Amino acid sequence: MDSAISPGNESFQLDDVVSALKSKNFSLAESLLKAKSSADPCMPTLVVDAYYLIAVLTMGLGAEEKGIALASQCVRAGVFSSKFSYYFGCALEALGEKGEVVRKRLQELRLIPWHVVGFLGIERNFLAIEPWYFSRAMVNLFPRTQPEFQDEERLVEKYILHGWLPAAPLFTPDSRILTLGSCFAQELRNYLAERGMSSDWLFVPPGLNNTFALRNFISWCLTGETATKAYWYDEGDQGGAVKWDDESNRHSYAEVFKRIDGIILTVGLAEVWYDNTTGGVFWRGVPKSSYDESRHHCRVSTVEENEDNLREIIRLIHNAKPGIPIVLTLSPIPLKAATGDKSCITVDTVSKSILRVAIDKVMSSGIDNVYYWPSFEIVRSLGPHLPYSLFGEDGNTRHVNRNAVHLILKAFTKYYFSGQTPVFDTEQ
């Protein structure tokens, strides 16, 4: 081996090739690469780099089959230099738009080296590779083609609702449904009422968007007991804090619970304001006149706390009305603001994840007559794949657009209310 091109010799570099690539002098780059690669038939580290770059240029300049064959030989050799990724990037950048085409093709064929040390998971003998076990009967797939995202209704029913639907509709158009919690609860209440499908209604504080507040309110309605009544503050019609006190109507609320045929609970926030002296949690926020910096703080509640709250809510409702269907949902509306030094969007991701895991733990325990409706996934998981935004139609970047609201509610009524005809068979 020529000592001038020994892989341990620092003089053997591809910097001259890089310079030729950056000036888009492909003929010079190729000739330099061929001179380096032909120097050692055993293909030491940097020589393998040179051969692979020849393959990239060959593909980019139109001879795809020849380039793929050469790239395959390099990958079989399995030894690349620590600067390989840099050289590879320079070659792709020099090819411009064709470079991305080459990258995509090499990725499809699994011919882009990602390692510089070791061979764990690398099979040099391609003929020895054994396929992974796969059974369509055992898996649920993510949508595989972009056209599938063009029919939102079909997409929701096939890829999001699967596994979460009741065996048969739970309600009739005459069923009395109570909705509690954040935005989805209010939207569903209005949607049902406007279509004559809900025969009972009562005023529910809109600030019940965390599991502590929901537990507190339901316990008060059904048993008259509450441990944090001093913190029942909700937002008034004109904004600002209003102490929610409706003791005179508590028995009316209890009577409504006795009459209902189903209840839908929507949670929205894992972040809560609390009093570190008593541990009590506020329904919504702290009134300005009451705020004490030394006592009142905002924190993100835990999965365990929210799971415990949800289980107690379910227990309270089923004790009062055995077997009544309870539907849990998670609001897709993001946080308006976050305290501390972390960005609101990242804190919101943690907040929603905590609530979703808490709901999933409850659902995984198999409590009878408890269901989950994936409105959160319809907006947050489907939304990024659509050609338009599901938020901000009314100028508020946190509000879900009306077409998305109707998509969610239309699907819900199809599968939860008898007399509605599904447009798509989810078993197909």
Protein backbone atom coordinates (compact mmCIF):
# COMPACT_ATOMS: atom_id res chain seq x y z
CA MET A 1 0.00 0.00 0.00
CA ASP A 2 1.27 3.46 -0.87
CA SER A 3 2.18 5.16 2.42
CA ALA A 4 0.89 8.47 1.04
CA ILE A 5 -2.66 7.14 1.07
CA SER A 6 -2.53 4.99 4.17
CA PRO A 7 -5.75 5.44 6.22
CA GLY A 8 -3.60 6.28 9.22
CA ASN A 9 -1.78 9.01 7.33
CA GLU A 10 -3.22 12.50 7.87
CA SER A 11 -2.10 13.54 4.39
CA PHE A 12 -4.79 11.32 2.91
CA GLN A 13 -7.80 13.61 2.90
CA LEU A 14 -10.65 14.41 0.54
CA ASP A 15 -10.47 18.17 1.04
CA ASP A 16 -9.43 18.69 -2.58
CA VAL A 17 -12.50 16.69 -3.62
CA VAL A 18 -14.67 18.85 -1.38
CA SER A 19 -13.27 21.99 -3.03
CA ALA A 20 -14.06 20.58 -6.47
CA LEU A 21 -17.60 19.69 -5.35
CA LYS A 22 -18.25 23.13 -3.91
CA SER A 23 -17.22 24.69 -7.22
CA LYS A 24 -19.48 22.12 -8.97
CA ASN A 25 -16.53 20.83 -10.98
CA PHE A 26 -17.84 17.27 -11.12
CA SER A 27 -15.32 16.01 -13.65
CA LEU A 28 -12.40 17.13 -11.45
CA ALA A 29 -14.05 15.72 -8.33
CA GLU A 30 -14.60 12.38 -10.02
CA SER A 31 -11.06 12.16 -11.34
CA LEU A 32 -9.64 12.95 -7.90
CA LEU A 33 -11.88 10.35 -6.31
CA LYS A 34 -10.90 7.70 -8.83
CA ALA A 35 -7.22 8.43 -8.25
CA LYS A 36 -7.66 7.97 -4.50
CA SER A 37 -9.97 4.97 -4.66
CA SER A 38 -7.84 3.04 -7.15
CA ALA A 39 -4.80 3.29 -4.90
CA ASP A 40 -5.85 0.46 -2.59
CA PRO A 41 -7.96 -2.54 -3.65
CA CYS A 42 -8.53 -3.45 0.03
CA MET A 43 -10.61 -0.28 0.43
CA PRO A 44 -9.27 1.27 3.67
CA THR A 45 -11.46 3.79 5.48
CA LEU A 46 -10.99 6.92 3.43
CA VAL A 47 -10.81 4.99 0.19
CA VAL A 48 -14.28 3.59 0.94
CA ASP A 49 -15.43 7.20 1.36
CA ALA A 50 -14.02 7.98 -2.09
CA TYR A 51 -15.76 5.04 -3.74
CA TYR A 52 -19.07 5.97 -2.10
CA LEU A 53 -18.81 9.58 -3.29
CA ILE A 54 -18.18 8.30 -6.81
CA ALA A 55 -21.39 6.31 -6.44
CA VAL A 56 -23.29 9.43 -5.33
CA LEU A 57 -22.00 11.49 -8.27
CA THR A 58 -22.69 8.64 -10.67
CA MET A 59 -26.31 8.49 -9.52
CA GLY A 60 -26.68 12.27 -9.57
CA LEU A 61 -25.36 12.48 -13.13
CA GLY A 62 -27.82 9.90 -14.46
CA ALA A 63 -26.31 6.43 -14.06
CA GLU A 64 -28.41 5.26 -11.13
CA GLU A 65 -27.94 1.48 -11.45
CA LYS A 66 -24.18 1.76 -11.67
CA GLY A 67 -24.07 4.11 -8.69
CA ILE A 68 -26.30 1.86 -6.56
CA ALA A 69 -24.10 -1.16 -7.30
CA LEU A 70 -21.01 0.75 -6.19
CA ALA A 71 -22.70 2.15 -3.07
CA SER A 72 -23.75 -1.40 -2.17
CA GLN A 73 -20.14 -2.57 -2.36
CA CYS A 74 -19.08 0.24 -0.05
CA VAL A 75 -21.75 -0.59 2.50
CA ARG A 76 -20.69 -4.25 2.41
CA ALA A 77 -17.15 -3.13 3.17
CA GLY A 78 -18.60 -1.37 6.20
CA VAL A 79 -15.64 0.88 7.05
CA PHE A 80 -16.07 4.63 6.66
CA SER A 81 -14.06 7.52 8.02
CA SER A 82 -15.21 9.82 10.82
CA LYS A 83 -15.62 12.60 8.24
CA PHE A 84 -17.77 10.55 5.89
CA SER A 85 -21.04 12.34 6.70
CA TYR A 86 -19.40 15.69 5.93
CA TYR A 87 -18.13 14.46 2.56
CA PHE A 88 -21.50 12.93 1.79
CA GLY A 89 -23.28 16.18 2.63
CA CYS A 90 -20.93 18.17 0.37
CA ALA A 91 -21.65 15.83 -2.55
CA LEU A 92 -25.42 16.08 -2.08
CA GLU A 93 -25.30 19.87 -1.77
CA ALA A 94 -23.22 20.12 -4.95
CA LEU A 95 -25.87 18.12 -6.83
CA GLY A 96 -28.62 20.54 -5.74
CA GLU A 97 -32.15 19.19 -6.23
CA LYS A 98 -30.73 15.99 -7.70
CA GLY A 99 -28.90 15.47 -4.41
CA GLU A 100 -32.16 15.06 -2.52
CA VAL A 101 -33.36 12.59 -5.15
CA VAL A 102 -30.17 10.58 -4.65
CA ARG A 103 -30.51 10.74 -0.85
CA LYS A 104 -34.09 9.52 -1.00
CA ARG A 105 -33.16 6.62 -3.27
CA LEU A 106 -30.26 5.57 -1.06
CA GLN A 107 -32.49 5.76 2.00
CA GLU A 108 -35.10 3.55 0.33
CA LEU A 109 -32.40 0.96 -0.35
CA ARG A 110 -30.88 1.36 3.15
CA LEU A 111 -27.56 2.26 1.60
CA ILE A 112 -26.70 5.34 3.67
CA PRO A 113 -24.03 4.43 6.26
CA TRP A 114 -24.84 5.76 9.70
CA HIS A 115 -21.98 4.22 11.67
CA VAL A 116 -18.27 4.89 11.99
CA VAL A 117 -17.49 2.42 14.80
CA GLY A 118 -18.70 -1.14 15.24
CA PHE A 119 -21.06 -3.32 13.24
CA LEU A 120 -23.91 -4.15 15.60
CA GLY A 121 -27.00 -4.49 13.44
CA ILE A 122 -25.01 -4.34 10.20
CA GLU A 123 -25.32 -7.41 8.01
CA ARG A 124 -22.55 -7.60 5.43
CA ASN A 125 -24.03 -10.63 3.72
CA PHE A 126 -27.28 -9.25 2.32
CA LEU A 127 -28.45 -12.74 1.35
CA ALA A 128 -28.39 -13.80 5.01
CA ILE A 129 -30.96 -11.21 6.13
CA GLU A 130 -34.11 -12.76 7.59
CA PRO A 131 -37.38 -10.79 7.27
CA TRP A 132 -39.14 -9.56 10.42
CA TYR A 133 -42.33 -11.29 11.49
CA PHE A 134 -45.34 -9.31 10.33
CA SER A 135 -49.05 -10.06 10.44
CA ARG A 136 -51.74 -7.68 9.25
CA ALA A 137 -54.15 -9.33 11.66
CA MET A 138 -52.02 -8.19 14.61
CA VAL A 139 -51.24 -4.57 13.73
CA ASN A 140 -52.98 -1.27 13.10
CA LEU A 141 -51.13 0.82 10.56
CA PHE A 142 -50.48 4.53 10.30
CA PRO A 143 -51.90 5.97 7.04
CA ARG A 144 -49.33 5.11 4.40
CA THR A 145 -50.21 7.40 1.51
CA GLN A 146 -50.90 11.12 1.40
CA PRO A 147 -54.18 10.73 -0.57
CA GLU A 148 -55.66 8.99 2.49
CA PHE A 149 -55.59 12.35 4.27
CA GLN A 150 -57.87 13.92 1.68
CA ASP A 151 -61.03 12.33 3.09
CA GLU A 152 -60.99 13.43 6.73
CA GLU A 153 -64.16 11.59 7.73
CA ARG A 154 -62.97 8.26 6.38
CA LEU A 155 -59.52 8.87 7.85
CA VAL A 156 -60.90 9.55 11.34
CA GLU A 157 -63.13 6.51 11.32
CA LYS A 158 -60.52 4.11 9.97
CA TYR A 159 -57.34 5.26 11.67
CA ILE A 160 -58.36 7.06 14.88
CA LEU A 161 -61.62 5.60 16.16
CA HIS A 162 -60.57 1.98 15.71
CA GLY A 163 -60.48 0.22 19.08
CA TRP A 164 -62.32 2.96 20.97
CA LEU A 165 -65.91 2.58 19.81
CA PRO A 166 -68.67 0.97 21.87
CA ALA A 167 -69.97 -2.37 20.61
CA ALA A 168 -73.35 -0.71 20.02
CA PRO A 169 -74.67 2.84 20.34
CA LEU A 170 -75.08 3.82 23.99
CA PHE A 171 -77.70 6.53 23.59
CA THR A 172 -80.86 7.41 21.71
CA PRO A 173 -81.84 10.87 20.46
CA ASP A 174 -83.98 11.18 23.62
CA SER A 175 -81.17 10.31 26.04
CA ARG A 176 -80.30 12.85 28.72
CA ILE A 177 -76.58 13.53 28.37
CA LEU A 178 -74.62 15.62 30.86
CA THR A 179 -71.38 17.13 29.57
CA LEU A 180 -68.77 18.43 32.00
CA GLY A 181 -65.30 19.87 31.56
CA SER A 182 -63.58 22.08 29.04
CA CYS A 183 -64.30 23.15 25.47
CA PHE A 184 -65.39 19.84 23.95
CA ALA A 185 -68.05 19.40 26.64
CA GLN A 186 -69.59 22.75 25.80
CA GLU A 187 -69.36 22.17 22.05
CA LEU A 188 -71.03 18.77 22.36
CA ARG A 189 -73.76 20.15 24.62
CA ASN A 190 -74.57 22.83 22.03
CA TYR A 191 -74.33 20.41 19.10
CA LEU A 192 -76.78 17.96 20.69
CA ALA A 193 -79.18 20.67 21.84
CA GLU A 194 -79.27 22.32 18.40
CA ARG A 195 -80.26 18.98 16.87
CA GLY A 196 -82.86 18.12 19.50
CA MET A 197 -80.77 15.18 20.75
CA SER A 198 -80.31 16.25 24.36
CA SER A 199 -83.36 16.52 26.58
CA ASP A 200 -81.68 17.81 29.72
CA TRP A 201 -79.51 20.81 30.42
CA LEU A 202 -78.11 22.65 33.38
CA PHE A 203 -75.57 25.39 33.90
CA VAL A 204 -72.11 23.93 34.53
CA PRO A 205 -69.12 26.13 35.44
CA PRO A 206 -66.89 26.36 32.34
CA GLY A 207 -63.75 26.41 34.51
CA LEU A 208 -63.96 22.67 35.21
CA ASN A 209 -61.04 21.86 32.94
CA ASN A 210 -58.73 20.02 35.33
CA THR A 211 -59.43 16.73 37.10
CA PHE A 212 -59.20 18.32 40.57
CA ALA A 213 -62.03 20.75 39.78
CA LEU A 214 -64.14 18.04 38.15
CA ARG A 215 -63.70 15.75 41.14
CA ASN A 216 -64.50 18.60 43.50
CA PHE A 217 -67.65 19.64 41.67
CA ILE A 218 -69.01 16.11 41.16
CA SER A 219 -68.35 15.21 44.79
CA TRP A 220 -70.25 18.33 45.88
CA CYS A 221 -73.16 17.59 43.53
CA LEU A 222 -73.53 13.96 44.58
CA THR A 223 -72.53 13.98 48.25
CA GLY A 224 -72.38 17.59 49.37
CA GLU A 225 -68.77 17.05 50.39
CA THR A 226 -65.84 19.19 49.28
CA ALA A 227 -62.41 19.76 50.73
CA THR A 228 -61.43 22.84 48.72
CA LYS A 229 -64.57 24.97 48.59
CA ALA A 230 -62.59 28.13 49.34
CA TYR A 231 -60.94 27.79 45.93
CA TRP A 232 -64.05 27.60 43.78
CA TYR A 233 -63.23 30.53 41.53
CA ASP A 234 -64.32 30.63 37.92
CA GLU A 235 -64.13 33.24 35.16
CA GLY A 236 -67.00 35.72 34.94
CA ASP A 237 -68.80 36.77 31.75
CA GLN A 238 -66.70 39.92 31.59
CA GLY A 239 -63.47 38.19 32.58
CA GLY A 240 -61.86 38.18 35.99
CA ALA A 241 -62.47 35.86 38.93
CA VAL A 242 -65.87 35.09 40.41
CA LYS A 243 -66.37 32.90 43.44
CA TRP A 244 -68.68 30.09 42.42
CA ASP A 245 -71.21 29.46 45.18
CA ASP A 246 -74.50 27.79 44.38
CA GLU A 247 -75.34 25.84 47.53
CA SER A 248 -79.03 26.60 47.16
CA ASN A 249 -79.07 24.69 43.87
CA ARG A 250 -76.99 21.70 44.94
CA HIS A 251 -80.00 19.42 45.30
CA SER A 252 -81.14 20.44 41.81
CA TYR A 253 -77.77 19.31 40.47
CA ALA A 254 -78.06 16.03 42.37
CA GLU A 255 -81.50 15.48 40.82
CA VAL A 256 -80.09 16.02 37.34
CA PHE A 257 -77.45 13.35 37.98
CA LYS A 258 -80.23 10.96 38.94
CA ARG A 259 -82.07 11.55 35.63
CA ILE A 260 -79.19 11.42 33.17
CA ASP A 261 -78.53 8.49 30.84
CA GLY A 262 -74.88 9.27 30.24
CA ILE A 263 -72.08 11.67 31.13
CA ILE A 264 -69.18 13.02 29.10
CA LEU A 265 -66.14 14.35 30.97
CA THR A 266 -63.53 16.45 29.18
CA VAL A 267 -60.22 17.35 30.82
CA GLY A 268 -57.93 20.01 29.44
CA LEU A 269 -55.17 21.04 31.86
CA ALA A 270 -52.57 19.28 33.95
CA GLU A 271 -51.23 22.64 35.14
CA VAL A 272 -52.94 23.84 38.31
CA TRP A 273 -52.71 26.75 40.73
CA TYR A 274 -52.45 25.61 44.33
CA ASP A 275 -51.97 26.86 47.86
CA ASN A 276 -48.73 25.44 49.23
CA THR A 277 -49.93 26.01 52.79
CA THR A 278 -53.03 23.83 52.51
CA GLY A 279 -52.29 21.90 49.31
CA GLY A 280 -55.68 22.96 47.95
CA VAL A 281 -56.07 23.40 44.21
CA PHE A 282 -57.95 26.27 42.56
CA TRP A 283 -60.57 25.50 39.95
CA ARG A 284 -59.05 27.92 37.51
CA GLY A 285 -56.70 30.66 38.74
CA VAL A 286 -56.05 32.81 41.78
CA PRO A 287 -58.07 36.04 42.19
CA LYS A 288 -55.82 39.09 42.15
CA SER A 289 -57.08 40.28 45.53
CA SER A 290 -56.23 36.91 47.10
CA TYR A 291 -52.89 36.23 45.43
CA ASP A 292 -49.99 35.69 47.83
CA GLU A 293 -46.64 35.08 46.16
CA SER A 294 -45.41 33.10 49.15
CA ARG A 295 -48.39 30.72 49.09
CA HIS A 296 -49.83 30.49 45.60
CA HIS A 297 -47.91 28.70 42.89
CA CYS A 298 -48.53 27.01 39.57
CA ARG A 299 -47.38 23.45 38.99
CA VAL A 300 -47.88 20.57 36.60
CA SER A 301 -49.87 17.82 38.28
CA THR A 302 -48.70 14.24 37.95
CA VAL A 303 -50.05 11.26 36.04
CA GLU A 304 -50.82 9.56 39.36
CA GLU A 305 -52.80 12.54 40.69
CA ASN A 306 -54.91 12.78 37.57
CA GLU A 307 -55.45 9.04 37.38
CA ASP A 308 -56.57 9.02 41.03
CA ASN A 309 -58.95 11.94 40.39
CA LEU A 310 -60.49 10.21 37.37
CA ARG A 311 -60.96 6.94 39.23
CA GLU A 312 -62.66 8.74 42.12
CA ILE A 313 -64.91 10.65 39.69
CA ILE A 314 -65.96 7.37 38.07
CA ARG A 315 -66.55 5.79 41.49
CA LEU A 316 -68.73 8.69 42.64
CA ILE A 317 -70.84 8.64 39.47
CA HIS A 318 -71.29 4.87 39.43
CA ASN A 319 -72.18 4.85 43.11
CA ALA A 320 -74.92 7.36 42.41
CA LYS A 321 -76.03 5.80 39.13
CA PRO A 322 -74.70 2.22 38.68
CA GLY A 323 -73.74 1.26 35.14
CA ILE A 324 -74.27 4.68 33.57
CA PRO A 325 -71.97 5.19 30.53
CA ILE A 326 -69.09 7.59 31.19
CA VAL A 327 -67.13 8.95 28.21
CA LEU A 328 -63.70 10.48 28.86
CA THR A 329 -62.17 12.95 26.41
CA LEU A 330 -59.08 15.16 26.29
CA SER A 331 -59.39 18.70 24.98
CA PRO A 332 -57.10 19.55 22.03
CA ILE A 333 -57.03 23.25 23.00
CA PRO A 334 -53.45 24.22 23.94
CA LEU A 335 -52.37 26.15 27.01
CA LYS A 336 -52.80 29.90 26.83
CA ALA A 337 -49.69 30.58 28.89
CA ALA A 338 -47.17 28.77 31.05
CA THR A 339 -45.32 29.92 34.14
CA GLY A 340 -41.59 29.40 34.66
CA ASP A 341 -38.76 29.53 32.16
CA LYS A 342 -40.01 26.88 29.70
CA SER A 343 -41.87 27.77 26.50
CA CYS A 344 -45.66 27.46 26.54
CA ILE A 345 -45.74 25.03 23.61
CA THR A 346 -43.33 22.57 25.21
CA VAL A 347 -45.09 22.80 28.59
CA ASP A 348 -48.42 22.18 26.81
CA THR A 349 -46.98 19.01 25.27
CA VAL A 350 -46.07 17.72 28.72
CA SER A 351 -49.43 18.77 30.17
CA LYS A 352 -51.47 16.97 27.49
CA SER A 353 -49.21 13.91 27.64
CA ILE A 354 -49.74 13.60 31.40
CA LEU A 355 -53.51 13.72 30.99
CA ARG A 356 -53.51 11.31 28.06
CA VAL A 357 -51.42 8.77 29.98
CA ALA A 358 -53.67 9.14 33.04
CA ILE A 359 -56.74 8.48 30.88
CA ASP A 360 -55.04 5.52 29.24
CA LYS A 361 -54.15 3.97 32.60
CA VAL A 362 -57.79 4.28 33.64
CA MET A 363 -58.98 2.78 30.35
CA SER A 364 -56.44 -0.05 30.54
CA SER A 365 -57.89 -1.21 33.84
CA GLY A 366 -61.11 -2.21 32.05
CA ILE A 367 -63.70 -0.44 34.17
CA ASP A 368 -67.17 -1.35 32.93
CA ASN A 369 -69.15 1.30 31.06
CA VAL A 370 -66.22 3.73 30.75
CA TYR A 371 -65.19 4.84 27.26
CA TYR A 372 -62.63 7.10 25.63
CA TRP A 373 -63.42 9.42 22.72
CA PRO A 374 -60.22 10.50 20.85
CA SER A 375 -61.13 14.10 19.99
CA PHE A 376 -57.58 15.11 20.99
CA GLU A 377 -55.99 12.79 18.43
CA ILE A 378 -58.37 13.90 15.68
CA VAL A 379 -57.11 17.47 16.01
CA ARG A 380 -53.53 17.10 17.17
CA SER A 381 -52.48 13.98 15.21
CA LEU A 382 -54.55 14.40 12.07
CA GLY A 383 -54.16 18.17 11.85
CA PRO A 384 -50.45 18.40 10.87
CA HIS A 385 -51.08 16.21 7.82
CA LEU A 386 -53.87 18.33 6.38
CA PRO A 387 -53.28 21.13 3.84
CA TYR A 388 -55.03 23.67 6.10
CA SER A 389 -54.85 24.58 9.78
CA LEU A 390 -57.38 23.21 12.24
CA PHE A 391 -56.86 26.24 14.48
CA GLY A 392 -57.35 30.00 14.28
CA GLU A 393 -60.31 30.38 11.95
CA ASP A 394 -61.85 33.04 14.24
CA GLY A 395 -58.56 34.87 14.76
CA ASN A 396 -57.78 33.06 18.01
CA THR A 397 -54.84 30.74 17.37
CA ARG A 398 -55.96 28.37 20.14
CA HIS A 399 -59.53 27.85 18.93
CA VAL A 400 -60.34 24.76 16.87
CA ASN A 401 -61.96 25.59 13.52
CA ARG A 402 -65.65 24.87 13.04
CA ASN A 403 -65.12 22.22 10.36
CA ALA A 404 -62.90 20.29 12.78
CA VAL A 405 -65.48 20.63 15.57
CA HIS A 406 -68.21 19.32 13.28
CA LEU A 407 -65.97 16.47 12.10
CA ILE A 408 -65.48 15.37 15.72
CA LEU A 409 -69.08 15.76 16.81
CA LYS A 410 -70.61 14.25 13.69
CA ALA A 411 -68.47 11.14 14.14
CA PHE A 412 -69.36 10.98 17.85
CA THR A 413 -73.10 11.09 17.26
CA LYS A 414 -72.83 8.46 14.52
CA TYR A 415 -71.36 5.86 16.82
CA TYR A 416 -72.81 6.78 20.20
CA PHE A 417 -76.43 7.46 19.21
CA SER A 418 -78.74 4.91 17.64
CA GLY A 419 -80.39 5.78 14.37
CA GLN A 420 -77.18 7.25 12.94
CA THR A 421 -75.63 5.46 9.95
CA PRO A 422 -71.82 5.17 9.85
CA VAL A 423 -70.43 6.09 6.45
CA PHE A 424 -67.47 3.75 6.73
CA ASP A 425 -67.06 0.22 8.04
CA THR A 426 -64.07 0.39 10.39
CA GLU A 427 -63.60 -3.37 10.23
CA GLN A 428 -62.54 -3.22 6.59
